[in-house]
Amino acid sequence: MPIATLLLSSLLAAANSAATNVPASGDIDRFVASSETCFHWRRDNKNASTAAIEAAIHDACAALPQRLTELRTAHAADTAAVQRLSAYDARSGESLAPWPKDIVALGDRLEHCGFLGGEFGGDGSTEDAQTTGKMVKLRCGDPLTKDLSTLRRHYQNDARVSARLRMYDKDGTPIPLIPEDLNTYEAQSASCAEPHVKSPACTQLPARLSKLLAKYRNPNTQYPEHCVWDELHCYDSTTGLPVQISERWDASMTHVLKDASGKPLINITPRAPSAAEE
C-alpha cells in the first residue's frame, strides 16, 4: 500500500493509535487529526486553484466547524475536553494554538534540508561543496532523522503534533496527501486485487472510479485518462483494479497504460510541449 495511503489513514484514525489513554477523548483526537489534515491541504495548495484541489480541500475542511460544535456540546461537562476544543476556531475548525518551538524549528530544518538536497548535483562542483556546508550546518541527513524520531516519541501523546509529524516519512521527506475518498477507493481496489477476494463491493469499483475521475481528473493533465489525481493512482476502467504506467514510449510516441501482466489497456497520445518547454 502506498505510503500516502498509510499516512492519510493514520491521520484520520489517530485516536486508534497511542495518542491518548482516555477513551472518551477518542472522538476529539479524530477531530484534531482531521483539522491538521485540512490545514495541510490549505497550506500546501494555497497557490493552486484547480477544481480537483478545491474539491479535496472542501472534503477535508467543510465539515470541521459543525463537528467542532457537536464535540463542544457532547463534552460540555468535561473540563479537559472543553479546554482542548477551545483552542479551535469555530468558523474554520483549525487550531489557534501556537506550535511548540522545537516543532517549528524541526519543520524549518525539514523544509530547508529538503530544498538543499534538491540543489545537490553530485558532480563535486564548488556549488556542491557550498551546499554540503549548508547541510552540515543545518544538521541534515542522519542527525535530522534522529531528531525527528526523538520528537515523535516525545510528543506521542499529543494528537495534534503527532498528526503533523506523520506528514513526513522516517527520513524526513514530506509525504504527499491524497483525497480521503480516493484513499478509501485505493484501499478497496487493492483488496479486490488480491487472489480469491470476491466481494460485492468489488463489482462497484468501475462506477466509483468514474465518479472519482469526474471529480479529480484535471482536463489539462498529462496523465493517462484512467489515472486519478496523479500517475500513482491508475486503474482499469473495466474492473476498477490498480494498474501501472509503463514508462516506455513506443515508436508512435504513444504512452501505453498496462495492467499488472503487461497487457496494454489504453493508448494516450502525449500532450504537445509548449513553446516554453521546447
Protein backbone atom coordinates (compact mmCIF):
# COMPACT_ATOMS: atom_id res chain seq x y z
CA MET A 1 0.00 0.00 0.00
CA PRO A 2 1.49 3.43 -0.96
CA ILE A 3 2.87 5.45 1.89
CA ALA A 4 0.47 8.32 1.19
CA THR A 5 -2.41 5.95 1.88
CA LEU A 6 -0.84 4.85 5.13
CA LEU A 7 -0.34 8.48 6.07
CA LEU A 8 -3.88 9.64 5.48
CA SER A 9 -5.33 6.53 7.11
CA SER A 10 -3.27 7.13 10.25
CA LEU A 11 -4.18 10.81 10.35
CA LEU A 12 -7.91 10.23 10.14
CA ALA A 13 -7.75 7.43 12.72
CA ALA A 14 -5.31 9.00 15.15
CA ALA A 15 -7.46 8.09 18.12
CA ASN A 16 -6.89 4.42 17.36
CA SER A 17 -3.18 4.87 17.99
CA ALA A 18 -1.41 5.55 21.27
CA ALA A 19 -2.35 9.20 21.15
CA THR A 20 -4.25 9.04 24.41
CA ASN A 21 -5.19 6.65 27.17
CA VAL A 22 -8.58 8.29 27.78
CA PRO A 23 -11.25 6.53 25.67
CA ALA A 24 -13.68 9.46 25.88
CA SER A 25 -11.20 11.69 24.06
CA GLY A 26 -11.02 9.42 21.02
CA ASP A 27 -13.53 11.45 19.04
CA ILE A 28 -11.62 14.63 19.86
CA ASP A 29 -8.37 13.05 18.69
CA ARG A 30 -10.04 12.17 15.39
CA PHE A 31 -11.23 15.75 15.04
CA VAL A 32 -7.72 17.05 15.81
CA ALA A 33 -6.20 14.79 13.15
CA SER A 34 -8.83 15.86 10.60
CA SER A 35 -8.20 19.51 11.44
CA GLU A 36 -4.49 19.07 10.80
CA THR A 37 -5.23 17.33 7.50
CA CYS A 38 -7.35 20.33 6.47
CA PHE A 39 -4.59 22.71 7.50
CA HIS A 40 -2.04 20.91 5.35
CA TRP A 41 -4.36 20.76 2.34
CA ARG A 42 -4.83 24.51 2.54
CA ARG A 43 -1.18 25.28 3.21
CA ASP A 44 0.29 23.01 0.54
CA ASN A 45 -2.17 24.20 -2.12
CA LYS A 46 -2.56 27.86 -1.22
CA ASN A 47 -1.42 28.92 -4.69
CA ALA A 48 -3.38 26.24 -6.55
CA SER A 49 -6.91 26.62 -7.81
CA THR A 50 -7.77 23.52 -9.86
CA ALA A 51 -11.23 22.07 -9.44
CA ALA A 52 -9.71 18.82 -8.18
CA ILE A 53 -7.74 20.52 -5.42
CA GLU A 54 -10.69 22.69 -4.42
CA ALA A 55 -12.84 19.55 -4.17
CA ALA A 56 -10.25 17.85 -1.96
CA ILE A 57 -9.94 20.90 0.30
CA HIS A 58 -13.72 21.14 0.59
CA ASP A 59 -13.99 17.48 1.62
CA ALA A 60 -11.21 17.85 4.19
CA CYS A 61 -12.42 21.10 5.71
CA ALA A 62 -16.14 21.75 5.19
CA ALA A 63 -17.45 19.55 8.00
CA LEU A 64 -15.00 20.73 10.67
CA PRO A 65 -16.99 23.69 12.12
CA GLN A 66 -20.13 21.57 12.54
CA ARG A 67 -18.12 18.72 14.05
CA LEU A 68 -16.45 21.14 16.47
CA THR A 69 -19.86 22.40 17.60
CA GLU A 70 -21.07 18.83 18.13
CA LEU A 71 -18.00 17.94 20.20
CA ARG A 72 -18.29 21.04 22.36
CA THR A 73 -21.89 20.14 23.11
CA ALA A 74 -21.16 16.48 23.76
CA HIS A 75 -18.24 17.21 26.10
CA ALA A 76 -19.56 20.33 27.79
CA ALA A 77 -19.25 18.71 31.23
CA ASP A 78 -15.66 17.57 30.65
CA THR A 79 -13.27 20.33 31.68
CA ALA A 80 -10.26 18.80 29.93
CA ALA A 81 -12.22 18.30 26.71
CA VAL A 82 -13.59 21.84 26.81
CA GLN A 83 -10.04 23.16 27.20
CA ARG A 84 -8.79 21.16 24.23
CA LEU A 85 -11.65 22.23 21.99
CA SER A 86 -11.38 25.89 22.99
CA ALA A 87 -8.12 26.03 21.02
CA TYR A 88 -10.04 25.64 17.72
CA ASP A 89 -11.65 28.35 15.64
CA ALA A 90 -15.42 27.93 15.39
CA ARG A 91 -15.55 29.23 11.80
CA SER A 92 -12.76 27.14 10.27
CA GLY A 93 -12.23 24.30 12.72
CA GLU A 94 -8.49 24.94 12.66
CA SER A 95 -6.30 25.28 15.72
CA LEU A 96 -5.49 28.70 17.12
CA ALA A 97 -2.75 27.40 19.41
CA PRO A 98 0.91 28.08 18.58
CA TRP A 99 3.19 25.19 17.77
CA PRO A 100 5.89 24.17 20.26
CA LYS A 101 9.17 25.89 19.45
CA ASP A 102 11.04 22.63 18.85
CA ILE A 103 8.38 21.54 16.32
CA VAL A 104 8.65 24.87 14.50
CA ALA A 105 12.44 24.55 14.40
CA LEU A 106 12.24 20.98 13.13
CA GLY A 107 9.77 21.99 10.42
CA ASP A 108 12.13 24.72 9.23
CA ARG A 109 15.04 22.28 9.10
CA LEU A 110 12.98 19.70 7.21
CA GLU A 111 11.99 22.30 4.64
CA HIS A 112 15.47 23.75 4.16
CA CYS A 113 17.22 20.38 4.13
CA GLY A 114 14.76 19.13 1.53
CA PHE A 115 15.43 22.18 -0.63
CA LEU A 116 19.21 21.84 -0.32
CA GLY A 117 19.01 18.13 -1.13
CA GLY A 118 17.35 19.04 -4.40
CA GLU A 119 20.15 21.50 -5.17
CA PHE A 120 22.91 18.92 -4.72
CA GLY A 121 24.24 17.86 -8.12
CA GLY A 122 26.73 15.20 -7.04
CA ASP A 123 29.36 16.40 -9.51
CA GLY A 124 31.94 17.60 -6.99
CA SER A 125 31.49 21.21 -8.05
CA THR A 126 32.08 24.30 -5.96
CA GLU A 127 28.32 24.70 -5.70
CA ASP A 128 28.04 21.17 -4.31
CA ALA A 129 30.69 21.96 -1.70
CA GLN A 130 28.77 25.05 -0.63
CA THR A 131 25.53 23.08 -0.47
CA THR A 132 27.20 20.39 1.62
CA GLY A 133 28.46 23.03 4.04
CA LYS A 134 24.96 24.44 4.47
CA MET A 135 23.53 20.96 5.04
CA VAL A 136 26.15 20.19 7.68
CA LYS A 137 25.40 23.47 9.43
CA LEU A 138 21.67 22.64 9.45
CA ARG A 139 22.43 19.08 10.63
CA CYS A 140 20.62 17.48 7.73
CA GLY A 141 20.71 13.77 6.97
CA ASP A 142 21.13 11.34 9.86
CA PRO A 143 21.08 14.00 12.63
CA LEU A 144 17.80 15.33 11.26
CA THR A 145 16.11 11.93 11.05
CA LYS A 146 17.32 11.17 14.58
CA ASP A 147 15.80 14.41 15.87
CA LEU A 148 12.55 13.64 14.04
CA SER A 149 12.38 10.22 15.68
CA THR A 150 13.11 11.73 19.10
CA LEU A 151 10.32 14.28 18.76
CA ARG A 152 7.87 11.62 17.59
CA ARG A 153 8.47 9.77 20.86
CA HIS A 154 8.41 12.94 22.95
CA TYR A 155 5.04 14.06 21.55
CA GLN A 156 3.43 10.65 21.10
CA ASN A 157 0.62 11.63 23.49
CA ASP A 158 -0.08 14.90 21.66
CA ALA A 159 -2.58 14.16 18.88
CA ARG A 160 -2.00 17.44 17.05
CA VAL A 161 1.80 17.29 16.97
CA SER A 162 1.74 13.59 16.14
CA ALA A 163 -0.55 14.29 13.19
CA ARG A 164 1.83 16.92 11.89
CA LEU A 165 4.90 14.69 12.24
CA ARG A 166 3.12 11.94 10.32
CA MET A 167 3.31 14.26 7.33
CA TYR A 168 6.93 13.07 6.98
CA ASP A 169 8.39 9.63 6.40
CA LYS A 170 11.13 8.21 8.61
CA ASP A 171 13.79 10.07 6.58
CA GLY A 172 12.02 13.42 6.89
CA THR A 173 10.69 13.51 3.34
CA PRO A 174 7.22 15.12 3.04
CA ILE A 175 4.50 12.61 2.21
CA PRO A 176 2.01 13.85 -0.40
CA LEU A 177 -1.62 13.91 0.62
CA ILE A 178 -4.35 12.29 -1.43
CA PRO A 179 -8.10 12.94 -1.04
CA GLU A 180 -9.90 10.83 1.56
CA ASP A 181 -12.37 9.28 -0.87
CA LEU A 182 -9.53 8.31 -3.22
CA ASN A 183 -7.67 6.87 -0.24
CA THR A 184 -10.73 4.74 0.61
CA TYR A 185 -11.12 3.64 -3.01
CA GLU A 186 -7.45 2.74 -3.29
CA ALA A 187 -7.62 0.50 -0.23
CA GLN A 188 -10.74 -1.27 -1.56
CA SER A 189 -9.25 -1.66 -5.03
CA ALA A 190 -6.05 -3.15 -3.61
CA SER A 191 -8.10 -5.57 -1.53
CA CYS A 192 -10.15 -6.65 -4.54
CA ALA A 193 -6.93 -7.26 -6.49
CA GLU A 194 -5.92 -9.97 -4.01
CA PRO A 195 -6.42 -13.56 -5.21
CA HIS A 196 -9.70 -15.25 -4.21
CA VAL A 197 -11.27 -12.00 -2.97
CA LYS A 198 -14.90 -11.91 -4.10
CA SER A 199 -16.87 -9.11 -2.51
CA PRO A 200 -19.99 -7.26 -3.73
CA ALA A 201 -18.00 -4.06 -3.18
CA CYS A 202 -15.57 -5.14 -5.92
CA THR A 203 -18.28 -5.04 -8.58
CA GLN A 204 -18.96 -1.41 -7.69
CA LEU A 205 -15.38 -0.28 -8.33
CA PRO A 206 -15.84 0.80 -12.00
CA ALA A 207 -18.78 3.07 -11.09
CA ARG A 208 -16.86 4.54 -8.17
CA LEU A 209 -13.84 5.06 -10.42
CA SER A 210 -15.96 7.03 -12.89
CA LYS A 211 -17.07 9.37 -10.11
CA LEU A 212 -13.51 9.88 -8.90
CA LEU A 213 -12.30 10.62 -12.43
CA ALA A 214 -15.06 13.17 -12.88
CA LYS A 215 -14.20 14.79 -9.57
CA TYR A 216 -10.41 14.81 -9.56
CA ARG A 217 -9.01 14.46 -13.07
CA ASN A 218 -7.64 17.73 -14.37
CA PRO A 219 -8.58 18.08 -18.07
CA ASN A 220 -5.15 19.64 -18.72
CA THR A 221 -3.19 16.81 -17.12
CA GLN A 222 -0.54 14.80 -18.94
CA TYR A 223 -1.59 11.65 -17.09
CA PRO A 224 -3.50 8.90 -18.91
CA GLU A 225 -7.25 9.13 -18.72
CA HIS A 226 -7.65 6.39 -16.12
CA CYS A 227 -5.29 7.97 -13.59
CA VAL A 228 -6.95 9.72 -10.65
CA TRP A 229 -5.13 12.67 -9.05
CA ASP A 230 -1.64 11.64 -10.24
CA GLU A 231 0.30 8.92 -12.05
CA LEU A 232 0.47 6.80 -8.89
CA HIS A 233 -3.28 6.14 -8.83
CA CYS A 234 -4.26 4.47 -12.10
CA TYR A 235 -6.99 1.89 -12.55
CA ASP A 236 -8.51 -0.40 -15.17
CA SER A 237 -11.83 1.16 -16.19
CA THR A 238 -13.40 -2.28 -16.68
CA THR A 239 -12.54 -3.78 -13.28
CA GLY A 240 -11.52 -0.77 -11.20
CA LEU A 241 -8.36 -2.62 -10.16
CA PRO A 242 -4.92 -0.95 -9.91
CA VAL A 243 -2.65 -0.73 -12.95
CA GLN A 244 0.81 0.71 -13.51
CA ILE A 245 2.00 3.12 -16.15
CA SER A 246 4.73 1.88 -18.44
CA GLU A 247 7.48 4.48 -18.61
CA ARG A 248 8.30 3.33 -22.14
CA TRP A 249 7.21 5.29 -25.20
CA ASP A 250 6.53 3.21 -28.26
CA ALA A 251 7.55 4.02 -31.83
CA SER A 252 4.46 6.13 -32.45
CA MET A 253 5.15 8.25 -29.36
CA THR A 254 2.04 6.90 -27.64
CA HIS A 255 2.03 6.41 -23.90
CA VAL A 256 0.92 2.89 -23.01
CA LEU A 257 -1.04 2.11 -19.86
CA LYS A 258 -0.65 -1.55 -18.95
CA ASP A 259 -2.15 -3.89 -16.40
CA ALA A 260 -0.08 -5.96 -13.98
CA SER A 261 0.56 -8.64 -16.64
CA GLY A 262 1.86 -6.11 -19.15
CA LYS A 263 -1.25 -6.14 -21.35
CA PRO A 264 -1.95 -2.69 -22.86
CA LEU A 265 -5.16 -1.13 -21.63
CA ILE A 266 -5.30 2.22 -23.38
CA ASN A 267 -3.10 4.34 -25.62
CA ILE A 268 -2.83 8.04 -24.93
CA THR A 269 -1.13 10.44 -27.32
CA PRO A 270 1.07 12.72 -25.20
CA ARG A 271 0.34 16.39 -24.87
CA ALA A 272 2.33 18.52 -27.32
CA PRO A 273 5.04 20.50 -25.49
CA SER A 274 4.53 24.20 -25.12
CA ALA A 275 6.91 26.73 -26.61
CA ALA A 276 8.45 27.31 -23.18
CA GLU A 277 9.22 23.58 -22.82
CA GLU A 278 10.87 23.20 -26.23
